[in-house]
Amino acid sequence: MWKRVSIITIFFLLALGGVLFFTGVFDEEETSEGVDPSPEESGNEEETAPDLDDIFEKAAQGGMPGLSPVVGETTAQEVQEAWGEPEEVNGTEDGRMLNYASRNVEIGVIDEVVSEVRSTQEELTSIHLEALQSYQTAEEVTVEKTETESGLTITYAFAGDYILEWGFGDASGNPDSRNVEYASVSKEDGIDLSGMSLDEKIGQMIFGGVAGTGMNEETSTIIREYHPGGIILFGNNIESPEQTVTFLNEMKTTNADNPYPLLFGVDEEGGRVSRVPTQMKSLPPSGAIGDVNDPDLAFTAGTILGEQMETLGFNLDFAPVLDVNSNPDNPVIGDRSFGDTVDVVSGMGIQVMKGLQEEGVIPVVKHFPGHGDTSEDSHVTLPTVDKSYEELKELELVPFRNAIEQGADVTMIAHIFLPQIDATYPSSMSEEVITGILREDYDFDGVVITDDLTMGAITNQYTVAEAALQTVKAGGDLLLMAHDPDLIPEVVDGLKTAVENGELTEERIDESVERIIELKQNYNLSRESTSSPEVESINRKVEEVREKVR
């Protein structure tokens, strides 16, 4: 009997051993395919420190060995989907820090995108200061050492603006034997303009129009010699989806030597302000969307606008209109507005804005501080709105304030004379309006673009070069010159001369250029050619919206 029991026991132990063996194999395979296990989870206690070459190579791309988050690319949601909820969340000056203590990793987040990856994992903290000091970096990597009472930090700045920082404890004892306390990867704040000439900087502030429906010598010269920040097309530049895509692709190719891609914009609101080719159906006017007053419908309209723009090769849409249609005699706005109440205009306009953003297309809210109560057409003459700031805050300014709070990227300034606010200049040239109200009172730190400076509201009183200079002095960033490419050299020369004679500082130019470049980077503007357009699926979506507003 004991013999039988012994045999059964032996078989049992063998079976159990097999189960444990295969379970271990499967667990190992699952771990190896999972998302960045920490050293404790991997079960490899003898894992050696990562090679410094590997650390520096990963840091130059915004990451760290063994960790998937990439600074500037990975979102907070993606981190939490992979790693679960953090053990602790702490607020920072600009965002928050997600503490994954069990992984010895902290993730900084700004605007829901990873801004820093900080690690105290043993593989890094086992590295000695002496090893780091003897490591030879590439020539283009800038090294800076900072010694304080709390310790030593050594930072390495890479060409792509990524920063690798090593932190060490205080200098008590032998400094050369100190171990790393933490290592972090982040991205340098601000835009480095040191490699740009004044001409190139001023060029980024130009949003110009071009002639024709295809690349010609004049357009090529404008792009190559004046480095414009953006190009706008109108109906006379657009014949078909294929022609539009080809034209914009040709401009991308011509701009290939410019380190910053072009903004390609168009006025596509739907209704009577539509520039899409006839083969592509346009949405109903904003007023019809406002009449339905359905946020989901407005958001859908915004995503359709975004799809239309992307399909044709545009990356910016001069929409939505946030003017409140409060004057029935208004010859410019009418059903371009979502309605005659701030609630409808704010609600529908912001949803269209978000729909465009969802598709990766830059929306431009317009026409600040509000064109709804004018009785003149600014294309022809300068309208006057004789209202106080307090009155504007009760009506016209409300949708813009709400849009800014909801993440507006670009605001267009209207050509309106507001004598109670600025008795000298129209709003598009007014420091009181652009800097005082928009930037300081409403905390708008995005890009400010003028309405077209070739409109009668401006050219009846100023040269375009004069208006452009005053706009920049007032705080404007992008200068829209939609209908006369010959004016671009005049404006560039005028701004350059103003800097050279001290009338305008280069620091003021830099402020605008940094905003413009940051906008381009935030939307990851593509240099790749747009593929052949397919419009039928978008047309079906437009028809569905049309059915809902009938």
Protein backbone atom coordinates (compact mmCIF):
# COMPACT_ATOMS: atom_id res chain seq x y z
CA MET A 1 0.00 0.00 0.00
CA TRP A 2 2.79 2.44 0.91
CA LYS A 3 4.43 1.62 -2.37
CA ARG A 4 1.22 2.49 -4.24
CA VAL A 5 0.96 5.77 -2.30
CA SER A 6 4.60 6.58 -3.13
CA ILE A 7 4.00 5.98 -6.84
CA ILE A 8 0.87 8.16 -6.81
CA THR A 9 2.78 10.88 -4.95
CA ILE A 10 5.63 10.78 -7.47
CA PHE A 11 3.18 11.08 -10.40
CA PHE A 12 1.43 13.96 -8.63
CA LEU A 13 4.69 15.83 -8.08
CA LEU A 14 5.74 15.28 -11.69
CA ALA A 15 2.39 16.56 -12.94
CA LEU A 16 2.56 19.57 -10.66
CA GLY A 17 6.09 20.31 -11.83
CA GLY A 18 4.94 20.21 -15.43
CA VAL A 19 2.10 22.59 -14.76
CA LEU A 20 4.42 25.00 -12.99
CA PHE A 21 6.94 24.77 -15.82
CA PHE A 22 4.45 25.51 -18.57
CA THR A 23 2.75 28.19 -16.50
CA GLY A 24 6.12 29.82 -16.03
CA VAL A 25 6.78 29.69 -19.78
CA PHE A 26 3.42 31.22 -20.64
CA ASP A 27 3.77 33.86 -17.95
CA GLU A 28 7.17 34.75 -19.34
CA GLU A 29 5.79 35.00 -22.89
CA GLU A 30 2.88 37.13 -21.74
CA THR A 31 5.19 39.44 -19.85
CA SER A 32 7.54 39.79 -22.78
CA GLU A 33 4.66 40.84 -25.03
CA GLY A 34 3.04 43.15 -22.48
CA VAL A 35 3.59 46.84 -21.91
CA ASP A 36 6.90 47.70 -20.31
CA PRO A 37 6.95 45.63 -17.11
CA SER A 38 8.97 47.08 -14.26
CA PRO A 39 12.06 45.16 -13.09
CA GLU A 40 10.06 43.69 -10.21
CA GLU A 41 7.40 42.39 -12.60
CA SER A 42 9.89 40.90 -15.02
CA GLY A 43 11.37 38.66 -12.32
CA ASN A 44 14.91 39.30 -13.58
CA GLU A 45 16.78 40.47 -10.51
CA GLU A 46 20.16 40.19 -12.20
CA GLU A 47 19.32 42.47 -15.12
CA THR A 48 22.28 44.71 -15.89
CA ALA A 49 22.15 48.48 -16.29
CA PRO A 50 21.21 49.62 -19.81
CA ASP A 51 24.01 50.71 -22.08
CA LEU A 52 24.58 54.48 -22.07
CA ASP A 53 24.50 54.47 -25.87
CA ASP A 54 20.99 53.02 -25.70
CA ILE A 55 19.86 55.56 -23.10
CA PHE A 56 21.12 58.51 -25.13
CA GLU A 57 19.69 57.13 -28.38
CA LYS A 58 16.24 56.72 -26.82
CA ALA A 59 16.40 60.13 -25.10
CA ALA A 60 17.15 61.83 -28.43
CA GLN A 61 13.77 60.46 -29.58
CA GLY A 62 11.87 61.47 -26.44
CA GLY A 63 11.86 58.15 -24.59
CA MET A 64 13.71 55.85 -22.21
CA PRO A 65 14.84 52.23 -22.57
CA GLY A 66 12.13 49.78 -21.53
CA LEU A 67 9.41 52.44 -21.27
CA SER A 68 6.85 53.09 -24.00
CA PRO A 69 5.72 56.71 -23.31
CA VAL A 70 7.26 59.25 -25.71
CA VAL A 71 7.44 62.91 -24.71
CA GLY A 72 5.26 65.09 -26.92
CA GLU A 73 3.51 62.12 -28.56
CA THR A 74 1.99 59.71 -26.03
CA THR A 75 -1.22 60.87 -24.36
CA ALA A 76 -2.13 60.51 -20.70
CA GLN A 77 -5.01 58.26 -21.73
CA GLU A 78 -2.63 55.91 -23.55
CA VAL A 79 -0.41 55.70 -20.47
CA GLN A 80 -3.36 54.87 -18.23
CA GLU A 81 -4.76 52.33 -20.68
CA ALA A 82 -1.42 50.51 -20.62
CA TRP A 83 -0.45 50.92 -16.96
CA GLY A 84 -3.73 51.56 -15.18
CA GLU A 85 -4.46 54.39 -12.78
CA PRO A 86 -1.40 55.99 -11.15
CA GLU A 87 -0.85 55.49 -7.43
CA GLU A 88 -0.70 59.26 -6.98
CA VAL A 89 -1.44 62.38 -9.02
CA ASN A 90 0.22 65.70 -8.17
CA GLY A 91 -0.49 69.10 -9.69
CA THR A 92 2.34 71.06 -11.31
CA GLU A 93 2.61 74.65 -12.54
CA ASP A 94 1.59 73.66 -16.07
CA GLY A 95 -0.16 70.30 -15.68
CA ARG A 96 0.12 67.23 -13.48
CA MET A 97 2.48 64.41 -12.57
CA LEU A 98 1.29 60.79 -12.68
CA ASN A 99 3.23 58.77 -10.10
CA TYR A 100 3.59 55.06 -10.84
CA ALA A 101 5.54 54.28 -7.67
CA SER A 102 5.43 50.53 -8.23
CA ARG A 103 7.26 51.06 -11.50
CA ASN A 104 9.58 53.76 -10.12
CA VAL A 105 8.36 56.04 -12.90
CA GLU A 106 6.64 59.43 -12.93
CA ILE A 107 4.91 60.79 -16.02
CA GLY A 108 4.52 64.55 -16.45
CA VAL A 109 1.44 65.62 -18.42
CA ILE A 110 0.60 68.99 -19.98
CA ASP A 111 -2.57 69.44 -22.04
CA GLU A 112 -3.12 65.65 -21.79
CA VAL A 113 0.16 64.87 -23.60
CA VAL A 114 3.24 63.40 -21.94
CA SER A 115 5.71 66.21 -21.20
CA GLU A 116 8.25 64.32 -19.08
CA VAL A 117 9.29 60.75 -18.31
CA ARG A 118 11.16 60.54 -14.99
CA SER A 119 12.61 57.24 -13.81
CA THR A 120 14.24 56.04 -10.58
CA GLN A 121 14.51 52.45 -11.77
CA GLU A 122 17.50 50.51 -10.47
CA GLU A 123 18.97 50.09 -13.94
CA LEU A 124 19.48 53.86 -14.03
CA THR A 125 20.27 54.61 -10.38
CA SER A 126 23.10 52.06 -10.49
CA ILE A 127 24.96 54.32 -12.92
CA HIS A 128 27.88 56.23 -11.39
CA LEU A 129 28.69 59.88 -12.01
CA GLU A 130 32.17 58.90 -13.13
CA ALA A 131 30.74 56.68 -15.89
CA LEU A 132 28.55 59.51 -17.14
CA GLN A 133 31.35 62.06 -17.08
CA SER A 134 33.57 59.82 -19.15
CA TYR A 135 30.84 59.15 -21.72
CA GLN A 136 31.45 60.79 -25.10
CA THR A 137 28.35 62.37 -26.64
CA ALA A 138 27.84 63.49 -30.21
CA GLU A 139 29.16 66.96 -31.07
CA GLU A 140 25.68 68.46 -31.56
CA VAL A 141 24.60 67.53 -28.01
CA THR A 142 24.89 70.44 -25.57
CA VAL A 143 25.94 69.57 -22.00
CA GLU A 144 25.27 71.71 -18.94
CA LYS A 145 26.16 70.99 -15.29
CA THR A 146 24.47 72.70 -12.35
CA GLU A 147 25.66 72.22 -8.75
CA THR A 148 23.43 73.37 -5.88
CA GLU A 149 23.13 72.60 -2.19
CA SER A 150 20.61 69.89 -2.99
CA GLY A 151 22.82 68.17 -5.53
CA LEU A 152 24.14 68.06 -9.06
CA THR A 153 22.20 67.94 -12.32
CA ILE A 154 23.69 67.26 -15.73
CA THR A 155 21.51 68.01 -18.75
CA TYR A 156 22.02 66.97 -22.36
CA ALA A 157 20.16 68.97 -25.01
CA PHE A 158 19.57 67.15 -28.30
CA ALA A 159 18.97 68.66 -31.73
CA GLY A 160 15.28 67.70 -31.63
CA ASP A 161 14.74 69.85 -28.49
CA TYR A 162 14.65 66.82 -26.18
CA ILE A 163 16.41 67.16 -22.84
CA LEU A 164 17.99 64.26 -20.89
CA GLU A 165 18.56 65.22 -17.26
CA TRP A 166 20.53 63.22 -14.71
CA GLY A 167 20.09 64.07 -11.03
CA PHE A 168 22.65 63.25 -8.33
CA GLY A 169 22.65 63.69 -4.56
CA ASP A 170 24.64 66.29 -2.64
CA ALA A 171 28.41 66.48 -2.84
CA SER A 172 29.20 65.12 0.62
CA GLY A 173 31.84 62.46 0.52
CA ASN A 174 33.48 61.70 -2.77
CA PRO A 175 31.56 63.46 -5.58
CA ASP A 176 32.98 61.12 -8.21
CA SER A 177 31.36 58.11 -6.53
CA ARG A 178 27.84 59.49 -6.53
CA ASN A 179 25.12 57.40 -8.09
CA VAL A 180 22.22 58.67 -10.21
CA GLU A 181 19.12 59.54 -8.17
CA TYR A 182 16.87 59.93 -11.20
CA ALA A 183 16.95 60.39 -14.95
CA SER A 184 14.29 62.26 -16.91
CA VAL A 185 13.48 63.07 -20.51
CA SER A 186 11.52 66.19 -21.37
CA LYS A 187 11.29 68.69 -24.21
CA GLU A 188 12.79 72.15 -24.20
CA ASP A 189 10.24 74.89 -23.65
CA GLY A 190 9.87 77.51 -26.34
CA ILE A 191 11.01 77.62 -29.94
CA ASP A 192 14.65 78.07 -30.90
CA LEU A 193 14.81 80.88 -33.48
CA SER A 194 18.58 81.31 -33.36
CA GLY A 195 19.04 79.74 -36.77
CA MET A 196 16.48 81.95 -38.52
CA SER A 197 17.30 85.19 -40.32
CA LEU A 198 15.12 88.26 -39.87
CA ASP A 199 13.79 87.75 -43.41
CA GLU A 200 12.77 84.18 -42.59
CA LYS A 201 11.08 85.26 -39.37
CA ILE A 202 9.07 87.99 -41.09
CA GLY A 203 8.16 85.56 -43.84
CA GLN A 204 6.50 83.24 -41.30
CA MET A 205 4.12 86.12 -40.46
CA ILE A 206 2.83 86.36 -44.03
CA PHE A 207 -0.34 84.52 -45.08
CA GLY A 208 -0.53 85.34 -48.76
CA GLY A 209 -2.72 84.68 -51.74
CA VAL A 210 -1.46 83.41 -55.09
CA ALA A 211 -2.56 83.65 -58.70
CA GLY A 212 -3.61 80.82 -60.98
CA THR A 213 -4.57 77.22 -60.53
CA GLY A 214 -1.13 75.67 -60.64
CA MET A 215 2.48 76.35 -59.82
CA ASN A 216 3.95 79.27 -61.75
CA GLU A 217 7.12 81.33 -61.54
CA GLU A 218 5.53 84.05 -59.39
CA THR A 219 4.24 81.60 -56.77
CA SER A 220 7.53 79.71 -56.78
CA THR A 221 9.44 82.97 -56.17
CA ILE A 222 7.16 83.97 -53.30
CA ILE A 223 7.64 80.63 -51.55
CA ARG A 224 11.40 80.34 -52.14
CA GLU A 225 12.42 83.96 -51.52
CA TYR A 226 9.91 85.22 -48.95
CA HIS A 227 9.32 82.04 -46.89
CA PRO A 228 5.62 82.75 -46.17
CA GLY A 229 4.01 81.10 -43.18
CA GLY A 230 0.84 80.32 -45.10
CA ILE A 231 -1.00 80.38 -48.42
CA ILE A 232 -4.73 80.99 -48.92
CA LEU A 233 -6.69 79.80 -51.96
CA PHE A 234 -9.94 81.20 -53.30
CA GLY A 235 -12.49 80.05 -55.85
CA ASN A 236 -10.37 81.29 -58.75
CA ASN A 237 -7.54 79.00 -57.58
CA ILE A 238 -9.73 75.90 -57.35
CA GLU A 239 -11.12 73.92 -60.30
CA SER A 240 -11.41 70.33 -59.13
CA PRO A 241 -10.35 68.10 -56.23
CA GLU A 242 -7.49 66.60 -58.26
CA GLN A 243 -6.23 70.01 -59.43
CA THR A 244 -6.39 71.43 -55.89
CA VAL A 245 -4.45 68.52 -54.42
CA THR A 246 -1.84 68.78 -57.18
CA PHE A 247 -1.46 72.55 -56.71
CA LEU A 248 -0.94 72.26 -52.95
CA ASN A 249 1.44 69.33 -53.38
CA GLU A 250 3.50 71.43 -55.81
CA MET A 251 3.71 74.18 -53.21
CA LYS A 252 4.86 71.67 -50.59
CA THR A 253 7.62 70.54 -52.92
CA THR A 254 8.68 74.13 -53.59
CA ASN A 255 8.78 74.76 -49.83
CA ALA A 256 10.87 71.64 -49.15
CA ASP A 257 13.98 73.59 -48.08
CA ASN A 258 12.04 75.59 -45.51
CA PRO A 259 12.32 73.97 -42.04
CA TYR A 260 8.69 74.89 -41.38
CA PRO A 261 5.78 73.55 -43.47
CA LEU A 262 3.22 75.87 -44.98
CA LEU A 263 -0.20 76.60 -43.58
CA PHE A 264 -2.74 76.02 -46.35
CA GLY A 265 -6.00 77.83 -45.67
CA VAL A 266 -9.34 78.41 -47.31
CA ASP A 267 -12.67 80.05 -46.46
CA GLU A 268 -14.98 77.07 -46.13
CA GLU A 269 -17.95 77.81 -43.90
CA GLY A 270 -20.70 76.11 -45.88
CA GLY A 271 -23.63 77.95 -47.40
CA ARG A 272 -22.75 81.00 -49.49
CA VAL A 273 -19.12 81.07 -48.32
CA SER A 274 -17.79 77.90 -49.87
CA ARG A 275 -14.61 77.38 -51.86
CA VAL A 276 -14.65 73.63 -52.33
CA PRO A 277 -14.74 72.50 -55.98
CA THR A 278 -18.13 71.79 -57.52
CA GLN A 279 -17.50 68.04 -57.41
CA MET A 280 -17.52 68.28 -53.61
CA LYS A 281 -20.84 69.17 -51.97
CA SER A 282 -20.84 72.00 -49.44
CA LEU A 283 -22.55 72.01 -46.08
CA PRO A 284 -25.63 74.13 -45.40
CA PRO A 285 -25.02 77.62 -43.95
CA SER A 286 -24.20 78.06 -40.28
CA GLY A 287 -27.59 79.70 -39.73
CA ALA A 288 -29.31 76.45 -40.72
CA ILE A 289 -27.15 74.51 -38.27
CA GLY A 290 -28.01 77.04 -35.59
CA ASP A 291 -31.75 76.71 -36.28
CA VAL A 292 -31.56 73.01 -35.41
CA ASN A 293 -29.43 73.86 -32.36
CA ASP A 294 -28.11 70.31 -31.96
CA PRO A 295 -24.54 70.11 -30.58
CA ASP A 296 -23.99 66.67 -32.11
CA LEU A 297 -25.04 67.93 -35.54
CA ALA A 298 -22.71 70.94 -35.21
CA PHE A 299 -19.80 68.70 -34.20
CA THR A 300 -20.52 66.43 -37.17
CA ALA A 301 -20.53 69.46 -39.46
CA GLY A 302 -17.12 70.40 -38.05
CA THR A 303 -15.69 66.94 -38.67
CA ILE A 304 -17.03 67.00 -42.24
CA LEU A 305 -15.36 70.37 -42.82
CA GLY A 306 -12.18 68.81 -41.49
CA GLU A 307 -12.47 65.82 -43.81
CA GLN A 308 -13.05 68.10 -46.78
CA MET A 309 -9.98 70.13 -45.91
CA GLU A 310 -7.78 67.08 -45.42
CA THR A 311 -8.96 65.46 -48.64
CA LEU A 312 -8.06 68.56 -50.65
CA GLY A 313 -4.73 69.10 -48.86
CA PHE A 314 -5.64 72.06 -46.64
CA ASN A 315 -4.64 72.11 -42.97
CA LEU A 316 -6.47 75.28 -41.86
CA ASP A 317 -10.06 76.45 -42.30
CA PHE A 318 -11.15 80.05 -41.78
CA ALA A 319 -14.19 78.91 -39.79
CA PRO A 320 -16.30 78.93 -37.66
CA VAL A 321 -17.98 82.35 -37.65
CA LEU A 322 -18.67 83.40 -34.05
CA ASP A 323 -20.40 86.69 -34.86
CA VAL A 324 -23.82 87.15 -33.27
CA ASN A 325 -26.23 88.21 -36.01
CA SER A 326 -27.79 91.01 -33.98
CA ASN A 327 -28.30 93.51 -36.82
CA PRO A 328 -30.80 92.43 -39.51
CA ASP A 329 -29.37 95.08 -41.86
CA ASN A 330 -25.92 93.50 -41.74
CA PRO A 331 -24.76 93.03 -45.36
CA VAL A 332 -21.84 90.71 -44.52
CA ILE A 333 -22.86 88.20 -41.85
CA GLY A 334 -26.50 87.09 -42.06
CA ASP A 335 -26.80 83.29 -42.19
CA ARG A 336 -23.03 82.95 -41.94
CA SER A 337 -23.76 83.35 -38.22
CA PHE A 338 -25.24 80.48 -36.23
CA GLY A 339 -27.91 82.79 -34.84
CA ASP A 340 -28.88 85.96 -33.05
CA THR A 341 -28.25 84.77 -29.46
CA VAL A 342 -24.94 84.21 -27.70
CA ASP A 343 -26.02 80.78 -26.47
CA VAL A 344 -26.69 79.40 -29.94
CA VAL A 345 -23.62 81.01 -31.50
CA SER A 346 -21.35 79.81 -28.69
CA GLY A 347 -22.83 76.34 -28.49
CA MET A 348 -22.88 75.58 -32.21
CA GLY A 349 -19.73 77.48 -33.14
CA ILE A 350 -17.57 75.82 -30.51
CA GLN A 351 -18.81 72.38 -31.53
CA VAL A 352 -17.84 73.08 -35.15
CA MET A 353 -14.45 74.28 -33.90
CA LYS A 354 -13.99 71.05 -31.95
CA GLY A 355 -15.05 68.97 -34.95
CA LEU A 356 -12.34 70.58 -37.06
CA GLN A 357 -9.78 70.01 -34.31
CA GLU A 358 -10.87 66.39 -34.07
CA GLU A 359 -9.85 65.93 -37.70
CA GLY A 360 -6.48 67.61 -37.14
CA VAL A 361 -7.44 70.76 -39.06
CA ILE A 362 -6.77 74.19 -37.56
CA PRO A 363 -9.97 76.21 -37.00
CA VAL A 364 -9.92 80.01 -37.13
CA VAL A 365 -12.64 81.67 -35.05
CA LYS A 366 -13.80 84.95 -36.57
CA HIS A 367 -14.40 87.94 -36.67
CA PHE A 368 -13.18 89.23 -33.29
CA PRO A 369 -14.46 91.31 -31.52
CA GLY A 370 -17.70 90.72 -33.45
CA HIS A 371 -18.99 91.72 -36.89
CA GLY A 372 -22.66 91.03 -36.23
CA ASP A 373 -23.85 94.56 -35.47
CA THR A 374 -22.39 96.32 -38.51
CA SER A 375 -24.33 97.89 -41.35
CA GLU A 376 -21.40 98.29 -43.77
CA ASP A 377 -19.39 95.74 -45.71
CA SER A 378 -15.74 95.82 -44.62
CA HIS A 379 -14.74 94.53 -48.04
CA VAL A 380 -15.76 97.99 -49.29
CA THR A 381 -15.52 100.43 -46.36
CA LEU A 382 -14.68 100.52 -42.63
CA PRO A 383 -17.74 99.73 -40.48
CA THR A 384 -18.24 101.56 -37.19
CA VAL A 385 -19.66 99.96 -34.04
CA ASP A 386 -20.22 102.69 -31.47
CA LYS A 387 -20.37 100.47 -28.39
CA SER A 388 -18.51 100.54 -25.10
CA TYR A 389 -16.35 97.69 -23.89
CA GLU A 390 -19.01 96.81 -21.33
CA GLU A 391 -21.65 96.54 -24.06
CA LEU A 392 -19.41 94.34 -26.20
CA LYS A 393 -18.79 92.05 -23.22
CA GLU A 394 -22.52 91.45 -22.89
CA LEU A 395 -23.02 90.27 -26.48
CA GLU A 396 -20.36 90.29 -29.22
CA LEU A 397 -17.44 89.09 -27.12
CA VAL A 398 -19.22 86.24 -25.35
CA PRO A 399 -18.76 83.52 -28.03
CA PHE A 400 -15.08 84.39 -28.43
CA ARG A 401 -14.47 84.30 -24.68
CA ASN A 402 -16.12 80.88 -24.51
CA ALA A 403 -14.18 79.57 -27.52
CA ILE A 404 -10.89 80.70 -25.99
CA GLU A 405 -11.77 78.87 -22.78
CA GLN A 406 -12.49 75.77 -24.90
CA GLY A 407 -9.12 75.80 -26.66
CA ALA A 408 -9.33 78.11 -29.70
CA ASP A 409 -6.00 78.08 -31.56
CA VAL A 410 -6.34 81.02 -33.97
CA THR A 411 -8.47 84.17 -33.81
CA MET A 412 -9.15 86.43 -36.80
CA ILE A 413 -9.40 90.16 -36.09
CA ALA A 414 -12.07 92.09 -38.00
CA HIS A 415 -11.71 95.48 -39.64
CA ILE A 416 -14.13 97.40 -37.42
CA PHE A 417 -13.83 100.90 -35.99
CA LEU A 418 -14.68 100.99 -32.28
CA PRO A 419 -14.38 104.68 -31.32
CA GLN A 420 -15.18 104.09 -27.65
CA ILE A 421 -12.25 101.66 -27.38
CA ASP A 422 -9.72 103.03 -29.89
CA ALA A 423 -10.43 106.37 -31.55
CA THR A 424 -7.44 106.06 -33.90
CA TYR A 425 -7.18 102.60 -35.41
CA PRO A 426 -9.59 99.89 -36.58
CA SER A 427 -9.70 96.77 -34.39
CA SER A 428 -7.31 94.86 -36.67
CA MET A 429 -4.62 97.49 -35.98
CA SER A 430 -5.56 98.33 -32.40
CA GLU A 431 -3.31 97.54 -29.45
CA GLU A 432 -6.27 98.13 -27.14
CA VAL A 433 -8.24 95.38 -28.91
CA ILE A 434 -5.52 92.83 -29.74
CA THR A 435 -3.25 93.12 -26.72
CA GLY A 436 -5.56 94.75 -24.20
CA ILE A 437 -8.78 92.79 -24.68
CA LEU A 438 -7.85 89.60 -26.51
CA ARG A 439 -4.49 88.79 -24.95
CA GLU A 440 -4.60 90.37 -21.50
CA ASP A 441 -8.29 90.35 -20.56
CA TYR A 442 -9.20 87.07 -22.26
CA ASP A 443 -5.82 85.31 -21.79
CA PHE A 444 -5.55 84.30 -25.43
CA ASP A 445 -2.03 83.05 -26.13
CA GLY A 446 -2.71 81.57 -29.55
CA VAL A 447 -2.17 83.04 -33.02
CA VAL A 448 -3.88 86.28 -34.05
CA ILE A 449 -4.48 86.73 -37.77
CA THR A 450 -5.90 89.79 -39.50
CA ASP A 451 -8.83 89.76 -41.84
CA ASP A 452 -7.66 90.39 -45.40
CA LEU A 453 -5.53 93.55 -45.42
CA THR A 454 -6.39 94.15 -49.09
CA MET A 455 -10.03 94.90 -48.20
CA GLY A 456 -11.43 98.40 -48.72
CA ALA A 457 -11.80 98.93 -44.97
CA ILE A 458 -7.99 99.15 -44.87
CA THR A 459 -6.85 100.25 -48.31
CA ASN A 460 -9.15 103.30 -48.32
CA GLN A 461 -7.05 104.77 -45.49
CA TYR A 462 -3.67 103.01 -45.38
CA THR A 463 -1.19 101.24 -47.56
CA VAL A 464 -1.09 97.52 -46.83
CA ALA A 465 2.51 97.87 -45.60
CA GLU A 466 1.46 100.59 -43.14
CA ALA A 467 -1.45 98.52 -41.87
CA ALA A 468 0.74 95.44 -41.50
CA LEU A 469 3.33 97.31 -39.43
CA GLN A 470 0.71 98.79 -37.11
CA THR A 471 -0.93 95.37 -36.71
CA VAL A 472 2.37 93.85 -35.57
CA LYS A 473 2.95 96.75 -33.17
CA ALA A 474 -0.54 96.10 -31.77
CA GLY A 475 0.22 92.40 -31.14
CA GLY A 476 -0.96 90.65 -34.32
CA ASP A 477 0.89 87.59 -35.62
CA LEU A 478 -0.24 86.56 -39.11
CA LEU A 479 -0.87 89.14 -41.83
CA LEU A 480 -3.48 88.00 -44.34
CA MET A 481 -2.95 89.44 -47.82
CA ALA A 482 -5.30 87.41 -49.92
CA HIS A 483 -5.63 89.12 -53.27
CA ASP A 484 -2.36 90.70 -54.39
CA PRO A 485 0.85 88.64 -54.26
CA ASP A 486 2.82 91.71 -55.38
CA LEU A 487 2.20 93.25 -51.94
CA ILE A 488 4.16 90.54 -50.12
CA PRO A 489 7.63 92.02 -50.88
CA GLU A 490 6.40 95.48 -49.81
CA VAL A 491 5.14 94.22 -46.46
CA VAL A 492 8.27 92.15 -45.78
CA ASP A 493 10.52 95.12 -46.64
CA GLY A 494 8.43 97.46 -44.51
CA LEU A 495 8.65 95.26 -41.42
CA LYS A 496 12.36 94.64 -41.94
CA THR A 497 13.06 98.38 -42.26
CA ALA A 498 11.04 99.05 -39.09
CA VAL A 499 13.23 96.59 -37.18
CA GLU A 500 16.44 98.03 -38.60
CA ASN A 501 15.54 101.62 -37.71
CA GLY A 502 14.31 100.73 -34.21
CA GLU A 503 10.61 101.37 -34.82
CA LEU A 504 9.91 97.69 -34.17
CA THR A 505 11.98 95.26 -32.10
CA GLU A 506 13.09 91.86 -33.29
CA GLU A 507 11.87 90.50 -29.94
CA ARG A 508 8.34 91.53 -30.94
CA ILE A 509 8.78 89.66 -34.24
CA ASP A 510 10.06 86.62 -32.32
CA GLU A 511 6.93 86.53 -30.14
CA SER A 512 4.71 86.10 -33.20
CA VAL A 513 7.01 83.65 -34.96
CA GLU A 514 7.16 81.43 -31.87
CA ARG A 515 3.36 81.30 -31.72
CA ILE A 516 3.11 80.47 -35.43
CA ILE A 517 5.73 77.72 -35.30
CA GLU A 518 4.21 76.27 -32.13
CA LEU A 519 0.83 76.12 -33.88
CA LYS A 520 2.39 74.22 -36.78
CA GLN A 521 4.12 71.83 -34.41
CA ASN A 522 0.98 71.25 -32.32
CA TYR A 523 -0.91 70.16 -35.43
CA ASN A 524 2.01 68.13 -36.82
CA LEU A 525 1.65 69.68 -40.26
CA SER A 526 2.59 67.16 -42.88
CA ARG A 527 5.16 67.68 -45.60
CA GLU A 528 3.99 64.54 -47.36
CA SER A 529 2.06 64.83 -50.59
CA THR A 530 -1.69 64.47 -50.27
CA SER A 531 -2.98 61.38 -52.05
CA SER A 532 -5.55 61.39 -54.83
CA PRO A 533 -8.85 62.69 -53.41
CA GLU A 534 -11.95 60.57 -52.89
CA VAL A 535 -15.02 62.74 -52.34
CA GLU A 536 -18.05 60.46 -52.63
CA SER A 537 -18.04 59.27 -49.03
CA ILE A 538 -17.77 62.85 -47.79
CA ASN A 539 -20.57 63.95 -50.11
CA ARG A 540 -22.83 61.32 -48.56
CA LYS A 541 -22.11 62.72 -45.11
CA VAL A 542 -22.93 66.23 -46.35
CA GLU A 543 -26.25 64.97 -47.70
CA GLU A 544 -27.08 63.46 -44.31
CA VAL A 545 -26.52 66.84 -42.66
CA ARG A 546 -28.60 68.59 -45.33
CA GLU A 547 -31.47 66.21 -44.62
CA LYS A 548 -31.42 67.10 -40.94
CA VAL A 549 -31.67 70.86 -41.49
CA ARG A 550 -34.47 70.81 -44.04
